[in-house]
Amino acid sequence: MPAAAVPCLEDIRSTFGFFDAWQDKYAFLIDIGKALVPLPDAERTEHNLVRGCQSQVWLVPHFDGDKVHLAIDSDAHIVRGLIAIVLAAYDDRRPRQILDFDIEGLFDELDLIGHLSPTRGNGLRAMVAKIRRIALEHA
């Protein structure tokens, strides 16, 4: 089950590289966040809530053979854009691919953490940590 219709990671990288101003990058984040398929209300549960996020973020993994599919949603527009980046990196991957992917390197490349509030940065890392735990349990 596809979690979202978001751009591929290479398109995100090239678009981020195209924009000079962070205002334009934030607008792009909001735009790609709009492409996320909203989670049904039935999956917006306490159990699926990601702890450590400033906004509400729900994460629901699904497994198809040896691949992990992620459904993630938030009540905040900018966070939905961050989710789109995480999905481009992690969705529809094998657990070992998720664990081997250098997500911090991607965040550095995009200069994301430096342009987020500390609480947003912590929430992004909490979301990544939860995905990595899921991948580790199924590796």
N, C-alpha and C. Protein backbone atom coordinates (compact mmCIF):
# COMPACT_ATOMS: atom_id res chain seq x y z
N MET A 1 0.85 -1.17 0.00
CA MET A 1 0.00 0.00 0.00
C MET A 1 0.90 1.24 0.00
N PRO A 2 0.87 2.07 -1.04
CA PRO A 2 1.73 3.24 -1.08
C PRO A 2 1.30 4.26 -0.03
N ALA A 3 2.29 4.82 0.66
CA ALA A 3 2.00 5.77 1.72
C ALA A 3 1.77 7.18 1.18
N ALA A 4 2.35 7.50 0.07
CA ALA A 4 2.24 8.85 -0.42
C ALA A 4 2.69 8.92 -1.87
N ALA A 5 2.25 9.97 -2.52
CA ALA A 5 2.73 10.26 -3.87
C ALA A 5 3.70 11.44 -3.73
N VAL A 6 4.89 11.15 -3.31
CA VAL A 6 5.89 12.19 -3.09
C VAL A 6 7.00 12.06 -4.12
N PRO A 7 7.75 13.15 -4.35
CA PRO A 7 8.86 13.06 -5.30
C PRO A 7 9.91 12.06 -4.83
N CYS A 8 10.68 11.55 -5.77
CA CYS A 8 11.77 10.67 -5.40
C CYS A 8 12.87 11.50 -4.74
N LEU A 9 13.77 10.82 -4.08
CA LEU A 9 14.83 11.48 -3.32
C LEU A 9 15.71 12.36 -4.22
N GLU A 10 16.02 11.90 -5.41
CA GLU A 10 16.85 12.70 -6.32
C GLU A 10 16.15 13.99 -6.72
N ASP A 11 14.83 13.94 -6.94
CA ASP A 11 14.09 15.16 -7.28
C ASP A 11 14.08 16.12 -6.09
N ILE A 12 13.95 15.59 -4.89
CA ILE A 12 13.99 16.45 -3.70
C ILE A 12 15.36 17.11 -3.58
N ARG A 13 16.41 16.31 -3.76
CA ARG A 13 17.77 16.87 -3.68
C ARG A 13 17.98 17.98 -4.72
N SER A 14 17.58 17.72 -5.95
CA SER A 14 17.82 18.72 -6.99
C SER A 14 16.98 19.98 -6.78
N THR A 15 15.76 19.81 -6.31
CA THR A 15 14.92 20.99 -6.05
C THR A 15 15.48 21.81 -4.90
N PHE A 16 15.93 21.14 -3.84
CA PHE A 16 16.55 21.86 -2.73
C PHE A 16 17.78 22.62 -3.22
N GLY A 17 18.56 21.99 -4.10
CA GLY A 17 19.76 22.64 -4.64
C GLY A 17 19.44 23.82 -5.54
N PHE A 18 18.28 23.78 -6.17
CA PHE A 18 17.86 24.84 -7.08
C PHE A 18 17.54 26.12 -6.32
N PHE A 19 16.89 25.99 -5.16
CA PHE A 19 16.48 27.16 -4.38
C PHE A 19 17.63 27.67 -3.54
N ASP A 20 17.79 29.00 -3.53
CA ASP A 20 18.81 29.62 -2.68
C ASP A 20 18.21 30.03 -1.33
N ALA A 21 17.02 30.57 -1.36
CA ALA A 21 16.39 31.12 -0.15
C ALA A 21 15.64 30.03 0.60
N TRP A 22 15.79 30.05 1.93
CA TRP A 22 15.09 29.05 2.74
C TRP A 22 13.59 29.25 2.71
N GLN A 23 13.14 30.44 2.44
CA GLN A 23 11.70 30.66 2.31
C GLN A 23 11.15 29.81 1.17
N ASP A 24 11.89 29.72 0.07
CA ASP A 24 11.48 28.90 -1.07
C ASP A 24 11.55 27.41 -0.73
N LYS A 25 12.55 27.02 0.05
CA LYS A 25 12.67 25.61 0.46
C LYS A 25 11.54 25.22 1.39
N TYR A 26 11.15 26.13 2.30
CA TYR A 26 10.00 25.86 3.17
C TYR A 26 8.73 25.70 2.35
N ALA A 27 8.55 26.57 1.35
CA ALA A 27 7.36 26.47 0.49
C ALA A 27 7.35 25.13 -0.24
N PHE A 28 8.52 24.69 -0.70
CA PHE A 28 8.63 23.39 -1.37
C PHE A 28 8.28 22.26 -0.40
N LEU A 29 8.78 22.34 0.84
CA LEU A 29 8.44 21.33 1.85
C LEU A 29 6.93 21.24 2.06
N ILE A 30 6.30 22.38 2.16
CA ILE A 30 4.85 22.40 2.36
C ILE A 30 4.15 21.78 1.15
N ASP A 31 4.63 22.10 -0.04
CA ASP A 31 4.02 21.54 -1.26
C ASP A 31 4.15 20.03 -1.32
N ILE A 32 5.34 19.50 -1.02
CA ILE A 32 5.48 18.04 -1.10
C ILE A 32 4.72 17.35 0.04
N GLY A 33 4.56 18.05 1.14
CA GLY A 33 3.77 17.51 2.24
C GLY A 33 2.30 17.38 1.88
N LYS A 34 1.83 18.24 1.00
CA LYS A 34 0.44 18.16 0.55
C LYS A 34 0.17 16.90 -0.25
N ALA A 35 1.23 16.28 -0.79
CA ALA A 35 1.07 15.06 -1.60
C ALA A 35 0.89 13.81 -0.74
N LEU A 36 1.13 13.94 0.57
CA LEU A 36 0.96 12.78 1.45
C LEU A 36 -0.49 12.31 1.46
N VAL A 37 -0.64 11.02 1.44
CA VAL A 37 -1.98 10.43 1.59
C VAL A 37 -2.32 10.49 3.07
N PRO A 38 -3.41 11.17 3.44
CA PRO A 38 -3.75 11.27 4.87
C PRO A 38 -4.05 9.90 5.46
N LEU A 39 -3.64 9.73 6.71
CA LEU A 39 -3.99 8.50 7.42
C LEU A 39 -5.47 8.52 7.77
N PRO A 40 -6.11 7.38 7.67
CA PRO A 40 -7.51 7.32 8.13
C PRO A 40 -7.57 7.59 9.63
N ASP A 41 -8.68 8.12 10.07
CA ASP A 41 -8.85 8.42 11.50
C ASP A 41 -8.62 7.19 12.37
N ALA A 42 -8.95 6.03 11.86
CA ALA A 42 -8.78 4.79 12.64
C ALA A 42 -7.31 4.50 12.95
N GLU A 43 -6.38 5.06 12.16
CA GLU A 43 -4.95 4.83 12.41
C GLU A 43 -4.30 5.99 13.18
N ARG A 44 -5.05 7.02 13.45
CA ARG A 44 -4.55 8.15 14.24
C ARG A 44 -4.79 7.84 15.71
N THR A 45 -4.06 6.84 16.18
CA THR A 45 -4.27 6.35 17.54
C THR A 45 -3.06 6.68 18.41
N GLU A 46 -3.25 6.56 19.68
CA GLU A 46 -2.16 6.75 20.65
C GLU A 46 -1.01 5.79 20.37
N HIS A 47 -1.35 4.55 20.02
CA HIS A 47 -0.34 3.53 19.73
C HIS A 47 0.56 3.94 18.55
N ASN A 48 0.02 4.63 17.57
CA ASN A 48 0.77 5.01 16.37
C ASN A 48 1.44 6.37 16.48
N LEU A 49 1.24 7.05 17.58
CA LEU A 49 1.82 8.38 17.78
C LEU A 49 3.32 8.28 17.99
N VAL A 50 4.07 9.17 17.35
CA VAL A 50 5.53 9.22 17.52
C VAL A 50 5.82 10.14 18.70
N ARG A 51 6.46 9.60 19.71
CA ARG A 51 6.82 10.39 20.90
C ARG A 51 8.04 11.25 20.59
N GLY A 52 8.03 12.47 21.11
CA GLY A 52 9.17 13.36 20.93
C GLY A 52 8.95 14.41 19.87
N CYS A 53 7.81 14.37 19.21
CA CYS A 53 7.50 15.36 18.18
C CYS A 53 6.70 16.50 18.78
N GLN A 54 7.01 17.71 18.33
CA GLN A 54 6.27 18.88 18.77
C GLN A 54 4.83 18.81 18.27
N SER A 55 4.66 18.42 17.03
CA SER A 55 3.34 18.25 16.43
C SER A 55 2.92 16.80 16.61
N GLN A 56 1.68 16.53 16.31
CA GLN A 56 1.24 15.14 16.34
C GLN A 56 1.70 14.48 15.04
N VAL A 57 2.37 13.33 15.20
CA VAL A 57 2.84 12.54 14.06
C VAL A 57 2.45 11.10 14.33
N TRP A 58 1.80 10.49 13.34
CA TRP A 58 1.41 9.09 13.45
C TRP A 58 2.18 8.30 12.40
N LEU A 59 2.68 7.14 12.79
CA LEU A 59 3.47 6.29 11.91
C LEU A 59 2.93 4.87 11.98
N VAL A 60 2.58 4.33 10.82
CA VAL A 60 2.04 2.98 10.74
C VAL A 60 2.85 2.19 9.70
N PRO A 61 3.60 1.18 10.17
CA PRO A 61 4.33 0.35 9.21
C PRO A 61 3.45 -0.78 8.68
N HIS A 62 3.68 -1.13 7.44
CA HIS A 62 3.04 -2.29 6.82
C HIS A 62 4.16 -3.09 6.18
N PHE A 63 3.99 -4.38 6.10
CA PHE A 63 5.04 -5.23 5.55
C PHE A 63 4.49 -6.01 4.37
N ASP A 64 5.27 -6.00 3.30
CA ASP A 64 4.91 -6.73 2.09
C ASP A 64 6.13 -7.56 1.71
N GLY A 65 6.08 -8.83 2.07
CA GLY A 65 7.27 -9.66 1.85
C GLY A 65 8.40 -9.14 2.68
N ASP A 66 9.50 -8.79 2.03
CA ASP A 66 10.67 -8.30 2.76
C ASP A 66 10.79 -6.78 2.73
N LYS A 67 9.74 -6.09 2.33
CA LYS A 67 9.80 -4.62 2.27
C LYS A 67 8.92 -3.98 3.33
N VAL A 68 9.37 -2.83 3.78
CA VAL A 68 8.64 -2.04 4.77
C VAL A 68 7.95 -0.89 4.04
N HIS A 69 6.66 -0.78 4.24
CA HIS A 69 5.90 0.34 3.70
C HIS A 69 5.47 1.20 4.88
N LEU A 70 5.62 2.49 4.73
CA LEU A 70 5.34 3.41 5.83
C LEU A 70 4.18 4.33 5.49
N ALA A 71 3.26 4.44 6.39
CA ALA A 71 2.20 5.44 6.31
C ALA A 71 2.45 6.39 7.47
N ILE A 72 2.71 7.65 7.15
CA ILE A 72 3.04 8.64 8.18
C ILE A 72 2.22 9.90 7.88
N ASP A 73 1.74 10.52 8.93
CA ASP A 73 0.95 11.74 8.76
C ASP A 73 1.18 12.65 9.96
N SER A 74 0.86 13.92 9.79
CA SER A 74 1.01 14.90 10.86
C SER A 74 -0.10 15.94 10.75
N ASP A 75 -0.28 16.66 11.84
CA ASP A 75 -1.24 17.76 11.84
C ASP A 75 -0.59 19.09 11.48
N ALA A 76 0.71 19.09 11.14
CA ALA A 76 1.44 20.32 10.82
C ALA A 76 1.96 20.27 9.38
N HIS A 77 1.75 21.34 8.64
CA HIS A 77 2.13 21.38 7.23
C HIS A 77 3.63 21.17 7.00
N ILE A 78 4.46 21.86 7.74
CA ILE A 78 5.91 21.74 7.54
C ILE A 78 6.38 20.33 7.89
N VAL A 79 5.78 19.74 8.91
CA VAL A 79 6.15 18.38 9.31
C VAL A 79 5.75 17.38 8.23
N ARG A 80 4.63 17.61 7.57
CA ARG A 80 4.24 16.74 6.47
C ARG A 80 5.31 16.77 5.36
N GLY A 81 5.91 17.93 5.14
CA GLY A 81 7.00 18.03 4.16
C GLY A 81 8.22 17.25 4.60
N LEU A 82 8.55 17.32 5.88
CA LEU A 82 9.67 16.54 6.42
C LEU A 82 9.37 15.05 6.29
N ILE A 83 8.12 14.68 6.53
CA ILE A 83 7.71 13.29 6.38
C ILE A 83 7.92 12.84 4.94
N ALA A 84 7.60 13.70 3.99
CA ALA A 84 7.78 13.34 2.58
C ALA A 84 9.25 13.02 2.28
N ILE A 85 10.17 13.76 2.88
CA ILE A 85 11.60 13.48 2.69
C ILE A 85 11.95 12.13 3.31
N VAL A 86 11.46 11.89 4.51
CA VAL A 86 11.72 10.61 5.18
C VAL A 86 11.15 9.45 4.35
N LEU A 87 9.95 9.64 3.82
CA LEU A 87 9.34 8.59 2.99
C LEU A 87 10.16 8.35 1.72
N ALA A 88 10.66 9.42 1.11
CA ALA A 88 11.47 9.26 -0.10
C ALA A 88 12.72 8.43 0.20
N ALA A 89 13.24 8.57 1.40
CA ALA A 89 14.45 7.83 1.78
C ALA A 89 14.16 6.40 2.23
N TYR A 90 13.03 6.17 2.91
CA TYR A 90 12.81 4.90 3.61
C TYR A 90 11.67 4.04 3.09
N ASP A 91 10.65 4.63 2.48
CA ASP A 91 9.47 3.83 2.14
C ASP A 91 9.77 2.81 1.05
N ASP A 92 9.14 1.66 1.18
CA ASP A 92 9.23 0.57 0.21
C ASP A 92 10.67 0.04 0.11
N ARG A 93 11.35 -0.01 1.25
CA ARG A 93 12.72 -0.52 1.31
C ARG A 93 12.76 -1.75 2.21
N ARG A 94 13.81 -2.52 2.04
CA ARG A 94 14.06 -3.65 2.94
C ARG A 94 14.62 -3.09 4.24
N PRO A 95 14.39 -3.78 5.36
CA PRO A 95 14.89 -3.28 6.64
C PRO A 95 16.40 -2.96 6.61
N ARG A 96 17.21 -3.81 5.98
CA ARG A 96 18.66 -3.57 5.93
C ARG A 96 18.96 -2.28 5.17
N GLN A 97 18.20 -1.97 4.11
CA GLN A 97 18.41 -0.73 3.36
C GLN A 97 18.10 0.49 4.23
N ILE A 98 17.06 0.36 5.04
CA ILE A 98 16.70 1.46 5.96
C ILE A 98 17.83 1.66 6.96
N LEU A 99 18.31 0.59 7.53
CA LEU A 99 19.36 0.69 8.55
C LEU A 99 20.67 1.19 7.97
N ASP A 100 20.95 0.87 6.72
CA ASP A 100 22.21 1.28 6.09
C ASP A 100 22.17 2.69 5.53
N PHE A 101 20.98 3.24 5.33
CA PHE A 101 20.87 4.57 4.71
C PHE A 101 21.34 5.65 5.69
N ASP A 102 22.17 6.56 5.22
CA ASP A 102 22.72 7.65 6.03
C ASP A 102 21.75 8.83 6.03
N ILE A 103 20.72 8.74 6.86
CA ILE A 103 19.70 9.78 6.90
C ILE A 103 20.25 11.08 7.47
N GLU A 104 21.16 10.99 8.43
CA GLU A 104 21.77 12.21 8.97
C GLU A 104 22.58 12.92 7.89
N GLY A 105 23.25 12.13 7.05
CA GLY A 105 23.98 12.71 5.91
C GLY A 105 23.04 13.44 4.96
N LEU A 106 21.86 12.86 4.74
CA LEU A 106 20.87 13.52 3.89
C LEU A 106 20.41 14.82 4.53
N PHE A 107 20.13 14.79 5.83
CA PHE A 107 19.70 16.01 6.53
C PHE A 107 20.79 17.08 6.45
N ASP A 108 22.06 16.67 6.57
CA ASP A 108 23.17 17.61 6.44
C ASP A 108 23.25 18.17 5.03
N GLU A 109 23.13 17.28 4.04
CA GLU A 109 23.18 17.70 2.64
C GLU A 109 22.11 18.75 2.34
N LEU A 110 20.91 18.54 2.84
CA LEU A 110 19.81 19.47 2.62
C LEU A 110 19.83 20.65 3.59
N ASP A 111 20.72 20.59 4.59
CA ASP A 111 20.85 21.60 5.64
C ASP A 111 19.53 21.78 6.39
N LEU A 112 18.85 20.66 6.61
CA LEU A 112 17.53 20.71 7.24
C LEU A 112 17.59 21.08 8.72
N ILE A 113 18.39 20.36 9.47
CA ILE A 113 18.39 20.52 10.93
C ILE A 113 18.72 21.96 11.32
N GLY A 114 19.64 22.58 10.60
CA GLY A 114 20.04 23.95 10.90
C GLY A 114 18.94 24.97 10.66
N HIS A 115 17.92 24.59 9.90
CA HIS A 115 16.84 25.52 9.59
C HIS A 115 15.52 25.13 10.24
N LEU A 116 15.59 24.19 11.15
CA LEU A 116 14.39 23.80 11.91
C LEU A 116 14.56 24.26 13.35
N SER A 117 13.45 24.48 14.02
CA SER A 117 13.54 24.77 15.44
C SER A 117 14.09 23.52 16.13
N PRO A 118 14.70 23.68 17.30
CA PRO A 118 15.23 22.51 18.01
C PRO A 118 14.17 21.44 18.25
N THR A 119 12.94 21.84 18.56
CA THR A 119 11.90 20.85 18.82
C THR A 119 11.50 20.13 17.53
N ARG A 120 11.47 20.83 16.41
CA ARG A 120 11.18 20.17 15.13
C ARG A 120 12.30 19.19 14.77
N GLY A 121 13.55 19.61 14.97
CA GLY A 121 14.68 18.72 14.71
C GLY A 121 14.63 17.47 15.57
N ASN A 122 14.28 17.64 16.84
CA ASN A 122 14.15 16.49 17.74
C ASN A 122 13.02 15.58 17.30
N GLY A 123 11.93 16.17 16.85
CA GLY A 123 10.80 15.37 16.37
C GLY A 123 11.15 14.58 15.12
N LEU A 124 11.90 15.21 14.22
CA LEU A 124 12.35 14.52 13.01
C LEU A 124 13.23 13.33 13.37
N ARG A 125 14.12 13.53 14.31
CA ARG A 125 14.99 12.44 14.76
C ARG A 125 14.20 11.34 15.48
N ALA A 126 13.15 11.72 16.21
CA ALA A 126 12.31 10.73 16.89
C ALA A 126 11.58 9.87 15.86
N MET A 127 11.11 10.49 14.78
CA MET A 127 10.44 9.75 13.73
C MET A 127 11.42 8.76 13.07
N VAL A 128 12.62 9.23 12.77
CA VAL A 128 13.64 8.37 12.17
C VAL A 128 14.00 7.23 13.12
N ALA A 129 14.13 7.53 14.40
CA ALA A 129 14.49 6.49 15.38
C ALA A 129 13.41 5.41 15.44
N LYS A 130 12.16 5.81 15.37
CA LYS A 130 11.08 4.82 15.40
C LYS A 130 11.12 3.95 14.14
N ILE A 131 11.35 4.54 13.00
CA ILE A 131 11.45 3.77 11.76
C ILE A 131 12.62 2.81 11.83
N ARG A 132 13.74 3.26 12.33
CA ARG A 132 14.93 2.40 12.45
C ARG A 132 14.68 1.24 13.42
N ARG A 133 13.94 1.50 14.52
CA ARG A 133 13.60 0.41 15.44
C ARG A 133 12.73 -0.63 14.77
N ILE A 134 11.77 -0.16 13.97
CA ILE A 134 10.91 -1.09 13.22
C ILE A 134 11.76 -1.92 12.26
N ALA A 135 12.67 -1.27 11.56
CA ALA A 135 13.53 -1.97 10.60
C ALA A 135 14.42 -2.99 11.32
N LEU A 136 14.95 -2.60 12.46
CA LEU A 136 15.83 -3.48 13.24
C LEU A 136 15.07 -4.72 13.71
N GLU A 137 13.83 -4.53 14.12
CA GLU A 137 13.01 -5.67 14.57
C GLU A 137 12.72 -6.64 13.43
N HIS A 138 12.75 -6.17 12.19
CA HIS A 138 12.40 -7.02 11.05
C HIS A 138 13.59 -7.33 10.15
N ALA A 139 14.79 -6.94 10.60
CA ALA A 139 15.99 -7.19 9.77
C ALA A 139 16.36 -8.65 9.79
